[in-house]
Amino acid sequence: MTNLKFSIIIPTYNRARLLNECINSINNQKIKHFEIIIIDNGSTDDTQKAVMNYKSKNKIRYYHQCNKGAASARNLGLEKAKGQIICFTDDDCIVDKNWLINIKKTFDKTNSDAVGGSIINKTNSYIANSQYLLNFSSWMPTVKKGYVKDIPTCNIAYKKRSIKGMKFIEQKKGVGYTDTLFNMEMIKNNKRIYFNPKIKVIHNTWKYSQLDIKKFFEIQKRAALGFINGGYQAHEKIGEILMKHRWLNFFCPRLINVLKRGVLHKSLIKMIIYFPFIFIGEFYRNIIIIFPKR
């Protein structure tokens, strides 16, 4: 993999400032043989102007489409990518300075079909920490490395040949689990995904306190609708039971795993502090699963 070229795909929508910081973090990588593919998902702010400021200095390709959702943007990125390794991150993320190096090393050592890593929250925001522990506790930097079934598209890289012909399912707007369903398809095709906590990204949107209560509940609603629209399969037999007997979700069974991960990864005190809001978010998610039309 000495002369390996990376294609880094970033879907974006009305986050010019955050996107600018994301691009800067990629340009600070020690590995330089990469292309950045920006898929503008119908932005109405200064996103295009911000990207054009880089075009004379960096290997950036910019594409604009109407707002079809992140899955559609990622699919367009896959069509345009020229690299042997397809990396995904989000416009609100800052990648670690050794991000590409650690991706390359992990591919070399494991010969996996996809590799990804940890997602970090560096704020003291109560809402951000609650959302982080509830939705990202599986990918904290204290999680041990090893083979997994899922890693979010804010921090994952695929061998292009391993995902040939695959596409992200383009759900309705406001529906999550599209990355999980993509990874599930890989697993069904006997592909392997490896988690290495040294492959790090910081969720930068929390830095600017953009996550308010309304956004917190929107995220939980998106997760609930994604669960209903096929995401339950990622949880195997338990997911099938919770989908078939939706009333069981009243008991918030997923919180057991969230709390368990908090203990295993030395975040028990944080879990206790943020548990009231974590519980509210999970309960709201489960109410939508039980009564999706409300």
Protein backbone atom coordinates (compact mmCIF):
# COMPACT_ATOMS: atom_id res chain seq x y z
CA MET A 1 0.00 0.00 0.00
CA THR A 2 2.99 2.31 -0.43
CA ASN A 3 1.49 4.44 -3.21
CA LEU A 4 -2.06 4.10 -1.99
CA LYS A 5 -4.35 6.99 -2.81
CA PHE A 6 -7.17 8.02 -0.49
CA SER A 7 -10.49 9.55 -1.51
CA ILE A 8 -12.01 11.47 1.40
CA ILE A 9 -15.74 12.07 0.99
CA ILE A 10 -17.45 14.80 3.01
CA PRO A 11 -21.20 15.42 2.65
CA THR A 12 -22.10 18.93 3.79
CA TYR A 13 -25.11 21.16 4.28
CA ASN A 14 -25.02 24.79 5.49
CA ARG A 15 -21.92 24.38 7.66
CA ALA A 16 -19.34 26.51 5.90
CA ARG A 17 -17.41 27.36 9.08
CA LEU A 18 -17.31 23.77 10.34
CA LEU A 19 -16.45 22.44 6.88
CA ASN A 20 -13.55 24.88 6.69
CA GLU A 21 -12.09 23.48 9.93
CA CYS A 22 -12.66 19.93 8.74
CA ILE A 23 -10.77 20.57 5.49
CA ASN A 24 -7.93 22.24 7.39
CA SER A 25 -7.53 19.18 9.60
CA ILE A 26 -7.34 16.93 6.53
CA ASN A 27 -4.79 19.17 4.87
CA ASN A 28 -2.60 18.83 7.98
CA GLN A 29 -2.22 15.09 7.44
CA LYS A 30 1.32 13.74 7.08
CA ILE A 31 0.16 11.57 4.19
CA LYS A 32 -0.40 13.82 1.17
CA HIS A 33 -1.62 11.44 -1.58
CA PHE A 34 -5.33 12.05 -1.20
CA GLU A 35 -8.27 13.79 -2.83
CA ILE A 36 -11.08 15.53 -0.98
CA ILE A 37 -14.55 15.18 -2.47
CA ILE A 38 -17.08 17.70 -1.15
CA ILE A 39 -20.71 16.86 -1.82
CA ASP A 40 -22.75 19.98 -1.14
CA ASN A 41 -26.24 18.78 -0.30
CA GLY A 42 -28.07 21.95 -1.34
CA SER A 43 -26.41 24.51 0.96
CA THR A 44 -27.69 28.07 0.95
CA ASP A 45 -24.83 29.60 2.96
CA ASP A 46 -21.22 30.35 1.90
CA THR A 47 -20.22 26.69 1.52
CA GLN A 48 -19.32 26.90 -2.16
CA LYS A 49 -17.29 30.07 -1.63
CA ALA A 50 -15.43 28.48 1.28
CA VAL A 51 -14.52 25.45 -0.82
CA MET A 52 -13.46 27.50 -3.84
CA ASN A 53 -10.92 29.30 -1.66
CA TYR A 54 -9.05 26.00 -1.40
CA LYS A 55 -9.30 24.79 -4.97
CA SER A 56 -6.13 26.45 -6.26
CA LYS A 57 -4.00 24.92 -3.51
CA ASN A 58 -5.48 21.52 -2.77
CA LYS A 59 -6.84 18.43 -4.45
CA ILE A 60 -10.46 19.25 -3.77
CA ARG A 61 -13.38 18.40 -6.01
CA TYR A 62 -16.70 20.07 -5.32
CA TYR A 63 -20.14 18.85 -6.38
CA HIS A 64 -23.48 20.49 -5.68
CA GLN A 65 -26.81 18.68 -5.63
CA CYS A 66 -30.28 19.45 -4.35
CA ASN A 67 -30.96 18.42 -0.76
CA LYS A 68 -31.51 14.67 -1.06
CA GLY A 69 -29.99 13.65 2.27
CA ALA A 70 -26.59 12.45 3.44
CA ALA A 71 -26.96 8.94 1.97
CA SER A 72 -27.50 10.39 -1.53
CA ALA A 73 -24.48 12.68 -1.04
CA ARG A 74 -22.31 9.73 -0.02
CA ASN A 75 -23.44 7.76 -3.06
CA LEU A 76 -22.46 10.61 -5.36
CA GLY A 77 -19.10 10.71 -3.59
CA LEU A 78 -18.64 6.99 -4.23
CA GLU A 79 -19.31 7.56 -7.93
CA LYS A 80 -16.68 10.30 -8.14
CA ALA A 81 -13.97 8.73 -5.95
CA LYS A 82 -10.75 7.69 -7.69
CA GLY A 83 -8.78 6.35 -4.73
CA GLN A 84 -8.23 2.72 -3.71
CA ILE A 85 -9.33 3.62 -0.17
CA ILE A 86 -12.62 5.49 0.34
CA CYS A 87 -12.66 7.48 3.59
CA PHE A 88 -15.73 9.11 5.05
CA THR A 89 -15.98 11.85 7.60
CA ASP A 90 -18.57 14.54 8.33
CA ASP A 91 -18.44 18.28 7.84
CA ASP A 92 -18.67 18.79 11.62
CA CYS A 93 -15.63 16.65 12.42
CA ILE A 94 -11.96 17.40 13.01
CA VAL A 95 -9.74 14.48 12.04
CA ASP A 96 -6.65 13.64 14.08
CA LYS A 97 -3.31 14.66 12.56
CA ASN A 98 -2.40 10.96 12.18
CA TRP A 99 -5.82 9.97 10.87
CA LEU A 100 -4.71 8.73 7.43
CA ILE A 101 -1.50 7.20 8.79
CA ASN A 102 -3.46 5.16 11.32
CA ILE A 103 -6.00 4.15 8.70
CA LYS A 104 -3.18 2.91 6.46
CA LYS A 105 -1.40 1.09 9.32
CA THR A 106 -4.63 -0.61 10.37
CA PHE A 107 -5.34 -1.80 6.84
CA ASP A 108 -1.77 -3.10 6.55
CA LYS A 109 -1.90 -4.99 9.86
CA THR A 110 -5.39 -6.45 9.62
CA ASN A 111 -6.07 -6.77 5.88
CA SER A 112 -9.67 -5.81 6.68
CA ASP A 113 -12.23 -4.57 4.18
CA ALA A 114 -13.02 -1.48 6.27
CA VAL A 115 -11.40 0.23 9.24
CA GLY A 116 -12.56 3.04 11.47
CA GLY A 117 -12.13 4.45 14.90
CA SER A 118 -13.12 6.54 17.85
CA ILE A 119 -15.38 9.57 18.05
CA ILE A 120 -14.50 12.18 20.65
CA ASN A 121 -16.44 14.90 22.44
CA LYS A 122 -14.25 17.60 24.00
CA THR A 123 -16.97 19.85 25.38
CA ASN A 124 -18.54 20.23 28.80
CA SER A 125 -22.02 20.70 27.35
CA TYR A 126 -24.60 18.67 29.27
CA ILE A 127 -26.69 18.05 26.16
CA ALA A 128 -23.66 17.17 24.01
CA ASN A 129 -22.28 14.75 26.59
CA SER A 130 -25.69 13.12 26.98
CA GLN A 131 -26.01 12.64 23.23
CA TYR A 132 -22.41 11.42 23.00
CA LEU A 133 -22.84 8.76 25.68
CA LEU A 134 -26.24 7.68 24.38
CA ASN A 135 -25.41 7.51 20.68
CA PHE A 136 -21.63 7.05 20.48
CA SER A 137 -20.63 5.00 23.52
CA SER A 138 -19.71 2.06 21.24
CA TRP A 139 -16.94 4.15 19.67
CA MET A 140 -15.32 5.93 22.59
CA PRO A 141 -11.49 6.12 22.51
CA THR A 142 -11.32 3.70 25.46
CA VAL A 143 -12.99 0.90 23.48
CA LYS A 144 -10.61 -1.96 22.67
CA LYS A 145 -9.53 -2.54 19.10
CA GLY A 146 -10.97 -5.48 17.21
CA TYR A 147 -13.48 -6.60 14.63
CA VAL A 148 -16.92 -4.97 14.86
CA LYS A 149 -20.16 -4.90 12.91
CA ASP A 150 -20.61 -1.15 12.63
CA ILE A 151 -18.74 2.16 12.67
CA PRO A 152 -20.43 5.49 11.78
CA THR A 153 -19.57 7.22 8.52
CA CYS A 154 -18.03 10.14 10.37
CA ASN A 155 -14.94 7.96 10.86
CA ILE A 156 -14.62 4.95 8.57
CA ALA A 157 -12.62 3.94 5.50
CA TYR A 158 -13.37 1.19 2.97
CA LYS A 159 -11.29 -0.63 0.40
CA LYS A 160 -12.88 0.40 -2.86
CA ARG A 161 -12.82 -3.14 -4.22
CA SER A 162 -14.62 -4.43 -1.11
CA ILE A 163 -17.66 -2.18 -1.62
CA LYS A 164 -17.82 -2.34 -5.41
CA GLY A 165 -21.43 -2.01 -6.55
CA MET A 166 -22.70 -1.09 -3.08
CA LYS A 167 -24.75 2.01 -2.30
CA PHE A 168 -26.17 3.65 0.79
CA ILE A 169 -29.92 3.22 1.09
CA GLU A 170 -31.47 6.61 0.40
CA GLN A 171 -34.09 6.83 3.13
CA LYS A 172 -36.54 9.66 3.63
CA LYS A 173 -35.12 12.78 5.25
CA GLY A 174 -34.82 12.50 9.00
CA VAL A 175 -34.24 8.73 9.00
CA GLY A 176 -31.04 7.30 10.44
CA TYR A 177 -29.18 3.99 10.29
CA THR A 178 -28.15 4.39 6.62
CA ASP A 179 -24.48 3.81 7.48
CA THR A 180 -25.39 0.85 9.71
CA LEU A 181 -27.41 -0.76 6.92
CA PHE A 182 -24.49 -0.27 4.52
CA ASN A 183 -22.12 -1.97 6.97
CA MET A 184 -24.65 -4.76 7.55
CA GLU A 185 -24.58 -5.49 3.83
CA MET A 186 -20.80 -5.76 4.01
CA ILE A 187 -20.99 -8.23 6.90
CA LYS A 188 -23.54 -10.33 4.98
CA ASN A 189 -21.04 -10.47 2.11
CA ASN A 190 -18.38 -11.86 4.49
CA LYS A 191 -16.45 -8.59 4.67
CA ARG A 192 -14.66 -7.50 7.84
CA ILE A 193 -14.71 -4.17 9.67
CA TYR A 194 -11.94 -3.37 12.17
CA PHE A 195 -12.13 -0.78 14.95
CA ASN A 196 -8.91 0.96 16.03
CA PRO A 197 -9.39 3.70 18.67
CA LYS A 198 -6.22 5.43 17.42
CA ILE A 199 -8.14 6.43 14.28
CA LYS A 200 -9.70 9.53 15.87
CA VAL A 201 -12.11 12.28 14.97
CA ILE A 202 -13.50 15.05 17.18
CA HIS A 203 -17.14 15.95 16.75
CA ASN A 204 -16.55 19.66 16.28
CA THR A 205 -20.19 20.78 16.10
CA TRP A 206 -20.47 20.38 19.87
CA LYS A 207 -17.68 22.91 20.29
CA TYR A 208 -19.99 25.68 19.11
CA SER A 209 -22.92 24.56 21.28
CA GLN A 210 -25.02 23.96 18.16
CA LEU A 211 -26.64 20.98 19.84
CA ASP A 212 -29.68 22.34 21.65
CA ILE A 213 -32.56 20.39 23.18
CA LYS A 214 -34.56 20.47 19.93
CA LYS A 215 -31.64 19.04 17.96
CA PHE A 216 -31.05 16.38 20.63
CA PHE A 217 -34.59 15.07 20.22
CA GLU A 218 -34.36 15.29 16.41
CA ILE A 219 -31.35 12.97 16.57
CA GLN A 220 -33.25 10.47 18.72
CA LYS A 221 -36.23 10.63 16.36
CA ARG A 222 -33.96 9.98 13.38
CA ALA A 223 -32.51 6.95 15.19
CA ALA A 224 -36.01 5.65 16.00
CA LEU A 225 -37.25 5.96 12.42
CA GLY A 226 -34.06 4.34 11.17
CA PHE A 227 -34.59 1.45 13.58
CA ILE A 228 -38.10 0.92 12.23
CA ASN A 229 -36.96 1.14 8.60
CA GLY A 230 -34.54 -1.77 8.83
CA GLY A 231 -32.03 -0.68 11.46
CA TYR A 232 -33.44 -3.18 13.95
CA GLN A 233 -31.68 -5.90 11.94
CA ALA A 234 -28.34 -4.60 13.19
CA HIS A 235 -29.34 -5.74 16.68
CA GLU A 236 -29.98 -9.28 15.41
CA LYS A 237 -32.45 -11.38 17.44
CA ILE A 238 -32.95 -8.70 20.08
CA GLY A 239 -33.75 -6.16 17.39
CA GLU A 240 -36.23 -8.51 15.76
CA ILE A 241 -37.98 -9.10 19.10
CA LEU A 242 -38.14 -5.36 19.85
CA MET A 243 -39.57 -4.73 16.40
CA LYS A 244 -42.12 -7.52 16.60
CA HIS A 245 -43.18 -6.68 20.16
CA ARG A 246 -42.72 -2.91 20.15
CA TRP A 247 -44.29 -2.44 23.59
CA LEU A 248 -41.08 -3.92 25.06
CA ASN A 249 -39.34 -0.68 24.12
CA PHE A 250 -41.20 1.01 26.99
CA PHE A 251 -38.61 -0.60 29.27
CA CYS A 252 -35.68 1.00 27.39
CA PRO A 253 -33.65 -2.24 27.16
CA ARG A 254 -30.91 -0.57 25.13
CA LEU A 255 -29.94 1.46 28.20
CA ILE A 256 -28.50 -1.70 29.74
CA ASN A 257 -25.82 -1.82 27.04
CA VAL A 258 -25.21 1.93 27.27
CA LEU A 259 -24.63 1.67 31.04
CA LYS A 260 -22.52 -1.44 30.60
CA ARG A 261 -20.24 0.36 28.18
CA GLY A 262 -20.00 3.25 30.62
CA VAL A 263 -18.68 0.88 33.30
CA LEU A 264 -16.31 -0.94 30.95
CA HIS A 265 -14.86 2.28 29.59
CA LYS A 266 -14.46 4.08 32.90
CA SER A 267 -17.26 6.55 32.26
CA LEU A 268 -19.52 5.47 35.11
CA ILE A 269 -19.40 8.84 36.88
CA LYS A 270 -20.29 10.58 33.62
CA MET A 271 -23.09 8.11 33.07
CA ILE A 272 -24.52 8.89 36.51
CA ILE A 273 -24.30 12.65 35.91
CA TYR A 274 -25.87 12.54 32.46
CA PHE A 275 -28.23 9.61 33.01
CA PRO A 276 -31.39 11.71 33.55
CA PHE A 277 -31.11 13.26 30.10
CA ILE A 278 -29.85 10.02 28.54
CA PHE A 279 -32.95 8.28 29.86
CA ILE A 280 -35.26 11.02 28.55
CA GLY A 281 -33.65 10.79 25.11
CA GLU A 282 -33.87 7.00 25.01
CA PHE A 283 -37.46 6.96 26.25
CA TYR A 284 -38.44 9.51 23.59
CA ARG A 285 -36.75 7.34 20.94
CA ASN A 286 -38.64 4.29 22.10
CA ILE A 287 -42.01 6.07 22.21
CA ILE A 288 -41.52 6.91 18.52
CA ILE A 289 -40.68 3.27 17.78
CA ILE A 290 -43.93 2.21 19.49
CA PHE A 291 -46.04 5.04 18.04
CA PRO A 292 -44.21 6.10 14.85
CA LYS A 293 -47.09 8.15 13.43
CA ARG A 294 -47.19 10.60 16.35
